[in-house]
PDB file of all heavy atoms in Angstrom:
ATOM      1  N   ILE A   1       2.301  14.203  21.146  1.00  0.00           N
ATOM      2  CA  ILE A   1       1.447  13.026  21.168  1.00  0.00           C
ATOM      3  C   ILE A   1       1.790  11.974  22.222  1.00  0.00           C
ATOM      4  O   ILE A   1       0.923  11.492  22.928  1.00  0.00           O
ATOM      5  CB  ILE A   1       1.484  12.318  19.858  1.00  0.00           C
ATOM      6  CG1 ILE A   1       0.817  13.263  18.687  1.00  0.00           C
ATOM      7  CG2 ILE A   1       0.789  10.924  19.840  1.00  0.00           C
ATOM      8  CD1 ILE A   1       1.067  12.795  17.305  1.00  0.00           C
ATOM      9  N   LEU A   2       3.083  11.947  22.448  1.00  0.00           N
ATOM     10  CA  LEU A   2       3.580  10.862  23.497  1.00  0.00           C
ATOM     11  C   LEU A   2       3.462  11.307  24.932  1.00  0.00           C
ATOM     12  O   LEU A   2       3.698  10.534  25.844  1.00  0.00           O
ATOM     13  CB  LEU A   2       4.985  10.558  23.121  1.00  0.00           C
ATOM     14  CG  LEU A   2       5.268   9.883  21.725  1.00  0.00           C
ATOM     15  CD1 LEU A   2       6.784   9.592  21.622  1.00  0.00           C
ATOM     16  CD2 LEU A   2       4.494   8.643  21.610  1.00  0.00           C
ATOM     17  N   ASP A   3       2.947  12.470  25.090  1.00  0.00           N
ATOM     18  CA  ASP A   3       2.584  12.946  26.537  1.00  0.00           C
ATOM     19  C   ASP A   3       1.268  12.297  26.954  1.00  0.00           C
ATOM     20  O   ASP A   3       0.887  12.529  28.091  1.00  0.00           O
ATOM     21  CB  ASP A   3       2.412  14.501  26.569  1.00  0.00           C
ATOM     22  CG  ASP A   3       3.798  15.114  26.593  1.00  0.00           C
ATOM     23  OD1 ASP A   3       4.817  14.538  26.873  1.00  0.00           O
ATOM     24  OD2 ASP A   3       3.786  16.375  26.376  1.00  0.00           O
ATOM     25  N   HIS A   4       0.599  11.614  26.047  1.00  0.00           N
ATOM     26  CA  HIS A   4      -0.777  11.078  26.395  1.00  0.00           C
ATOM     27  C   HIS A   4      -0.756   9.653  26.422  1.00  0.00           C
ATOM     28  O   HIS A   4      -0.061   8.916  25.824  1.00  0.00           O
ATOM     29  CB  HIS A   4      -1.785  11.543  25.284  1.00  0.00           C
ATOM     30  CG  HIS A   4      -1.736  13.139  25.212  1.00  0.00           C
ATOM     31  ND1 HIS A   4      -0.766  13.810  24.405  1.00  0.00           N
ATOM     32  CD2 HIS A   4      -2.493  14.046  25.843  1.00  0.00           C
ATOM     33  CE1 HIS A   4      -1.035  15.134  24.538  1.00  0.00           C
ATOM     34  NE2 HIS A   4      -2.116  15.310  25.395  1.00  0.00           N
ATOM     35  N   THR A   5      -1.746   9.138  27.224  1.00  0.00           N
ATOM     36  CA  THR A   5      -1.914   7.624  27.366  1.00  0.00           C
ATOM     37  C   THR A   5      -3.094   7.095  26.731  1.00  0.00           C
ATOM     38  O   THR A   5      -3.300   5.885  26.712  1.00  0.00           O
ATOM     39  CB  THR A   5      -1.962   7.337  28.858  1.00  0.00           C
ATOM     40  OG1 THR A   5      -3.016   7.936  29.492  1.00  0.00           O
ATOM     41  CG2 THR A   5      -0.670   7.762  29.603  1.00  0.00           C
ATOM     42  N   ALA A   6      -3.914   7.932  26.167  1.00  0.00           N
ATOM     43  CA  ALA A   6      -5.213   7.538  25.514  1.00  0.00           C
ATOM     44  C   ALA A   6      -5.529   8.568  24.409  1.00  0.00           C
ATOM     45  O   ALA A   6      -5.249   9.753  24.535  1.00  0.00           O
ATOM     46  CB  ALA A   6      -6.316   7.402  26.543  1.00  0.00           C
ATOM     47  N   VAL A   7      -6.175   7.976  23.359  1.00  0.00           N
ATOM     48  CA  VAL A   7      -6.724   8.829  22.243  1.00  0.00           C
ATOM     49  C   VAL A   7      -8.206   8.636  22.126  1.00  0.00           C
ATOM     50  O   VAL A   7      -8.645   7.510  22.216  1.00  0.00           O
ATOM     51  CB  VAL A   7      -5.939   8.457  20.976  1.00  0.00           C
ATOM     52  CG1 VAL A   7      -6.372   9.442  19.813  1.00  0.00           C
ATOM     53  CG2 VAL A   7      -4.441   8.442  21.137  1.00  0.00           C
ATOM     54  N   VAL A   8      -8.842   9.730  21.935  1.00  0.00           N
ATOM     55  CA  VAL A   8     -10.318   9.693  21.699  1.00  0.00           C
ATOM     56  C   VAL A   8     -10.607   9.900  20.217  1.00  0.00           C
ATOM     57  O   VAL A   8     -10.183  10.914  19.674  1.00  0.00           O
ATOM     58  CB  VAL A   8     -11.062  10.701  22.507  1.00  0.00           C
ATOM     59  CG1 VAL A   8     -12.572  10.662  22.324  1.00  0.00           C
ATOM     60  CG2 VAL A   8     -10.696  10.582  23.985  1.00  0.00           C
ATOM     61  N   PHE A   9     -11.256   8.990  19.571  1.00  0.00           N
ATOM     62  CA  PHE A   9     -11.608   9.075  18.169  1.00  0.00           C
ATOM     63  C   PHE A   9     -13.193   9.206  17.994  1.00  0.00           C
ATOM     64  O   PHE A   9     -13.935   8.300  18.433  1.00  0.00           O
ATOM     65  CB  PHE A   9     -11.329   7.827  17.415  1.00  0.00           C
ATOM     66  CG  PHE A   9      -9.744   7.642  17.286  1.00  0.00           C
ATOM     67  CD1 PHE A   9      -9.127   6.486  17.651  1.00  0.00           C
ATOM     68  CD2 PHE A   9      -8.921   8.708  16.740  1.00  0.00           C
ATOM     69  CE1 PHE A   9      -7.733   6.340  17.530  1.00  0.00           C
ATOM     70  CE2 PHE A   9      -7.544   8.577  16.609  1.00  0.00           C
ATOM     71  CZ  PHE A   9      -6.944   7.320  17.065  1.00  0.00           C
ATOM     72  N   THR A  10     -13.615  10.346  17.387  1.00  0.00           N
ATOM     73  CA  THR A  10     -15.038  10.547  17.164  1.00  0.00           C
ATOM     74  C   THR A  10     -15.423  10.207  15.850  1.00  0.00           C
ATOM     75  O   THR A  10     -16.683  10.453  15.455  1.00  0.00           O
ATOM     76  CB  THR A  10     -15.398  12.055  17.492  1.00  0.00           C
ATOM     77  OG1 THR A  10     -14.506  12.900  16.783  1.00  0.00           O
ATOM     78  CG2 THR A  10     -15.224  12.347  19.009  1.00  0.00           C
ATOM     79  N   SER A  11     -14.536   9.887  14.895  1.00  0.00           N
ATOM     80  CA  SER A  11     -14.859   9.462  13.585  1.00  0.00           C
ATOM     81  C   SER A  11     -13.665   8.705  12.925  1.00  0.00           C
ATOM     82  O   SER A  11     -12.625   8.610  13.450  1.00  0.00           O
ATOM     83  CB  SER A  11     -15.093  10.730  12.681  1.00  0.00           C
ATOM     84  OG  SER A  11     -13.894  11.441  12.534  1.00  0.00           O
ATOM     85  N   ARG A  12     -14.003   8.022  11.829  1.00  0.00           N
ATOM     86  CA  ARG A  12     -12.901   7.379  11.092  1.00  0.00           C
ATOM     87  C   ARG A  12     -11.938   8.384  10.489  1.00  0.00           C
ATOM     88  O   ARG A  12     -10.706   8.053  10.332  1.00  0.00           O
ATOM     89  CB  ARG A  12     -13.468   6.471   9.998  1.00  0.00           C
ATOM     90  CG  ARG A  12     -14.141   5.197  10.574  1.00  0.00           C
ATOM     91  CD  ARG A  12     -14.634   4.236   9.561  1.00  0.00           C
ATOM     92  NE  ARG A  12     -15.811   4.781   8.966  1.00  0.00           N
ATOM     93  CZ  ARG A  12     -16.548   4.081   8.040  1.00  0.00           C
ATOM     94  NH1 ARG A  12     -16.276   2.765   7.833  1.00  0.00           N
ATOM     95  NH2 ARG A  12     -17.672   4.544   7.565  1.00  0.00           N
ATOM     96  N   HIS A  13     -12.372   9.663  10.199  1.00  0.00           N
ATOM     97  CA  HIS A  13     -11.433  10.597   9.720  1.00  0.00           C
ATOM     98  C   HIS A  13     -10.341  10.872  10.777  1.00  0.00           C
ATOM     99  O   HIS A  13      -9.246  11.005  10.447  1.00  0.00           O
ATOM    100  CB  HIS A  13     -12.172  11.981   9.404  1.00  0.00           C
ATOM    101  CG  HIS A  13     -13.039  11.895   8.231  1.00  0.00           C
ATOM    102  ND1 HIS A  13     -12.539  11.500   7.007  1.00  0.00           N
ATOM    103  CD2 HIS A  13     -14.375  12.202   8.032  1.00  0.00           C
ATOM    104  CE1 HIS A  13     -13.580  11.631   6.071  1.00  0.00           C
ATOM    105  NE2 HIS A  13     -14.656  11.938   6.713  1.00  0.00           N
ATOM    106  N   ALA A  14     -10.849  10.903  12.049  1.00  0.00           N
ATOM    107  CA  ALA A  14      -9.906  11.226  13.080  1.00  0.00           C
ATOM    108  C   ALA A  14      -8.862  10.151  13.176  1.00  0.00           C
ATOM    109  O   ALA A  14      -7.675  10.341  13.435  1.00  0.00           O
ATOM    110  CB  ALA A  14     -10.656  11.296  14.444  1.00  0.00           C
ATOM    111  N   VAL A  15      -9.257   8.840  12.979  1.00  0.00           N
ATOM    112  CA  VAL A  15      -8.344   7.703  12.978  1.00  0.00           C
ATOM    113  C   VAL A  15      -7.294   7.775  11.941  1.00  0.00           C
ATOM    114  O   VAL A  15      -6.073   7.730  12.136  1.00  0.00           O
ATOM    115  CB  VAL A  15      -9.077   6.342  12.921  1.00  0.00           C
ATOM    116  CG1 VAL A  15      -8.169   5.172  12.822  1.00  0.00           C
ATOM    117  CG2 VAL A  15     -10.079   6.202  14.060  1.00  0.00           C
ATOM    118  N   ASP A  16      -7.840   8.037  10.744  1.00  0.00           N
ATOM    119  CA  ASP A  16      -6.885   8.111   9.517  1.00  0.00           C
ATOM    120  C   ASP A  16      -5.816   9.237   9.721  1.00  0.00           C
ATOM    121  O   ASP A  16      -4.615   9.044   9.607  1.00  0.00           O
ATOM    122  CB  ASP A  16      -7.660   8.532   8.271  1.00  0.00           C
ATOM    123  CG  ASP A  16      -8.412   7.170   7.781  1.00  0.00           C
ATOM    124  OD1 ASP A  16      -7.899   6.135   8.021  1.00  0.00           O
ATOM    125  OD2 ASP A  16      -9.480   7.351   7.060  1.00  0.00           O
ATOM    126  N   HIS A  17      -6.265  10.461  10.057  1.00  0.00           N
ATOM    127  CA  HIS A  17      -5.355  11.568  10.186  1.00  0.00           C
ATOM    128  C   HIS A  17      -4.491  11.480  11.373  1.00  0.00           C
ATOM    129  O   HIS A  17      -3.303  11.921  11.265  1.00  0.00           O
ATOM    130  CB  HIS A  17      -6.224  12.788  10.133  1.00  0.00           C
ATOM    131  CG  HIS A  17      -6.786  13.170   8.805  1.00  0.00           C
ATOM    132  ND1 HIS A  17      -6.107  13.647   7.742  1.00  0.00           N
ATOM    133  CD2 HIS A  17      -8.073  12.909   8.377  1.00  0.00           C
ATOM    134  CE1 HIS A  17      -6.934  13.742   6.703  1.00  0.00           C
ATOM    135  NE2 HIS A  17      -8.165  13.271   7.056  1.00  0.00           N
ATOM    136  N   PHE A  18      -4.933  10.857  12.441  1.00  0.00           N
ATOM    137  CA  PHE A  18      -4.016  10.679  13.609  1.00  0.00           C
ATOM    138  C   PHE A  18      -2.780   9.801  13.250  1.00  0.00           C
ATOM    139  O   PHE A  18      -1.693  10.151  13.402  1.00  0.00           O
ATOM    140  CB  PHE A  18      -4.802  10.052  14.797  1.00  0.00           C
ATOM    141  CG  PHE A  18      -3.910   9.592  15.956  1.00  0.00           C
ATOM    142  CD1 PHE A  18      -3.377  10.608  16.858  1.00  0.00           C
ATOM    143  CD2 PHE A  18      -3.587   8.294  16.126  1.00  0.00           C
ATOM    144  CE1 PHE A  18      -2.575  10.143  17.885  1.00  0.00           C
ATOM    145  CE2 PHE A  18      -2.828   7.883  17.145  1.00  0.00           C
ATOM    146  CZ  PHE A  18      -2.296   8.727  18.031  1.00  0.00           C
ATOM    147  N   PHE A  19      -3.138   8.565  12.712  1.00  0.00           N
ATOM    148  CA  PHE A  19      -2.081   7.671  12.393  1.00  0.00           C
ATOM    149  C   PHE A  19      -1.132   8.198  11.151  1.00  0.00           C
ATOM    150  O   PHE A  19       0.028   7.965  11.203  1.00  0.00           O
ATOM    151  CB  PHE A  19      -2.574   6.321  12.049  1.00  0.00           C
ATOM    152  CG  PHE A  19      -3.071   5.600  13.323  1.00  0.00           C
ATOM    153  CD1 PHE A  19      -4.450   5.442  13.633  1.00  0.00           C
ATOM    154  CD2 PHE A  19      -2.121   5.100  14.244  1.00  0.00           C
ATOM    155  CE1 PHE A  19      -4.833   4.790  14.803  1.00  0.00           C
ATOM    156  CE2 PHE A  19      -2.476   4.496  15.341  1.00  0.00           C
ATOM    157  CZ  PHE A  19      -3.852   4.357  15.695  1.00  0.00           C
ATOM    158  N   LYS A  20      -1.783   8.917  10.174  1.00  0.00           N
ATOM    159  CA  LYS A  20      -0.971   9.449   9.119  1.00  0.00           C
ATOM    160  C   LYS A  20       0.007  10.556   9.651  1.00  0.00           C
ATOM    161  O   LYS A  20       1.174  10.650   9.161  1.00  0.00           O
ATOM    162  CB  LYS A  20      -1.858   9.897   8.012  1.00  0.00           C
ATOM    163  CG  LYS A  20      -2.466   8.797   7.263  1.00  0.00           C
ATOM    164  CD  LYS A  20      -3.495   9.251   6.162  1.00  0.00           C
ATOM    165  CE  LYS A  20      -4.090   8.090   5.465  1.00  0.00           C
ATOM    166  NZ  LYS A  20      -5.155   8.437   4.506  1.00  0.00           N
ATOM    167  N   LEU A  21      -0.514  11.273  10.607  1.00  0.00           N
ATOM    168  CA  LEU A  21       0.334  12.382  11.118  1.00  0.00           C
ATOM    169  C   LEU A  21       1.440  11.829  12.000  1.00  0.00           C
ATOM    170  O   LEU A  21       2.610  12.206  11.955  1.00  0.00           O
ATOM    171  CB  LEU A  21      -0.472  13.438  11.991  1.00  0.00           C
ATOM    172  CG  LEU A  21      -0.818  14.704  11.325  1.00  0.00           C
ATOM    173  CD1 LEU A  21      -1.642  15.548  12.335  1.00  0.00           C
ATOM    174  CD2 LEU A  21       0.395  15.466  10.965  1.00  0.00           C
ATOM    175  N   CYS A  22       1.038  10.735  12.715  1.00  0.00           N
ATOM    176  CA  CYS A  22       2.188  10.046  13.470  1.00  0.00           C
ATOM    177  C   CYS A  22       3.318   9.515  12.590  1.00  0.00           C
ATOM    178  O   CYS A  22       4.471   9.569  12.884  1.00  0.00           O
ATOM    179  CB  CYS A  22       1.579   8.865  14.277  1.00  0.00           C
ATOM    180  SG  CYS A  22       0.610   9.392  15.771  1.00  0.00           S
ATOM    181  N   GLN A  23       2.838   8.978  11.444  1.00  0.00           N
ATOM    182  CA  GLN A  23       3.842   8.471  10.524  1.00  0.00           C
ATOM    183  C   GLN A  23       4.701   9.548   9.933  1.00  0.00           C
ATOM    184  O   GLN A  23       5.852   9.405   9.823  1.00  0.00           O
ATOM    185  CB  GLN A  23       3.066   7.696   9.424  1.00  0.00           C
ATOM    186  CG  GLN A  23       4.045   7.035   8.328  1.00  0.00           C
ATOM    187  CD  GLN A  23       3.294   6.317   7.276  1.00  0.00           C
ATOM    188  OE1 GLN A  23       2.145   6.647   6.955  1.00  0.00           O
ATOM    189  NE2 GLN A  23       3.877   5.298   6.705  1.00  0.00           N
ATOM    190  N   GLU A  24       4.011  10.716   9.601  1.00  0.00           N
ATOM    191  CA  GLU A  24       4.724  11.785   9.031  1.00  0.00           C
ATOM    192  C   GLU A  24       5.717  12.443  10.077  1.00  0.00           C
ATOM    193  O   GLU A  24       6.770  12.880   9.619  1.00  0.00           O
ATOM    194  CB  GLU A  24       3.733  12.903   8.556  1.00  0.00           C
ATOM    195  CG  GLU A  24       4.324  13.911   7.667  1.00  0.00           C
ATOM    196  CD  GLU A  24       3.314  14.832   7.052  1.00  0.00           C
ATOM    197  OE1 GLU A  24       2.112  14.541   7.076  1.00  0.00           O
ATOM    198  OE2 GLU A  24       3.650  15.941   6.533  1.00  0.00           O
ATOM    199  N   LEU A  25       5.302  12.426  11.265  1.00  0.00           N
ATOM    200  CA  LEU A  25       6.131  13.065  12.398  1.00  0.00           C
ATOM    201  C   LEU A  25       7.157  12.015  12.908  1.00  0.00           C
ATOM    202  O   LEU A  25       7.948  12.451  13.747  1.00  0.00           O
ATOM    203  CB  LEU A  25       5.164  13.407  13.521  1.00  0.00           C
ATOM    204  CG  LEU A  25       4.290  14.619  13.222  1.00  0.00           C
ATOM    205  CD1 LEU A  25       3.137  14.731  14.293  1.00  0.00           C
ATOM    206  CD2 LEU A  25       5.017  15.946  13.116  1.00  0.00           C
ATOM    207  N   ARG A  26       7.143  10.744  12.370  1.00  0.00           N
ATOM    208  CA  ARG A  26       7.902   9.721  12.903  1.00  0.00           C
ATOM    209  C   ARG A  26       7.778   9.389  14.376  1.00  0.00           C
ATOM    210  O   ARG A  26       8.719   9.189  15.132  1.00  0.00           O
ATOM    211  CB  ARG A  26       9.369   9.970  12.496  1.00  0.00           C
ATOM    212  CG  ARG A  26       9.668  10.077  11.011  1.00  0.00           C
ATOM    213  CD  ARG A  26      11.062  10.371  10.717  1.00  0.00           C
ATOM    214  NE  ARG A  26      11.222  10.375   9.213  1.00  0.00           N
ATOM    215  CZ  ARG A  26      12.378  10.729   8.666  1.00  0.00           C
ATOM    216  NH1 ARG A  26      13.480  11.070   9.394  1.00  0.00           N
ATOM    217  NH2 ARG A  26      12.499  10.876   7.311  1.00  0.00           N
TER     218      ARG A  26
END
C-alpha cells in the first residue's frame, strides 16, 4: 500500500475495506 501516493475509490465499500485492511495490516 505504501508504494502508492494516491488511492482511487469507486464506492463507499472500497473506502471501508481499504481503511479496515490498513488497520488490520498495521
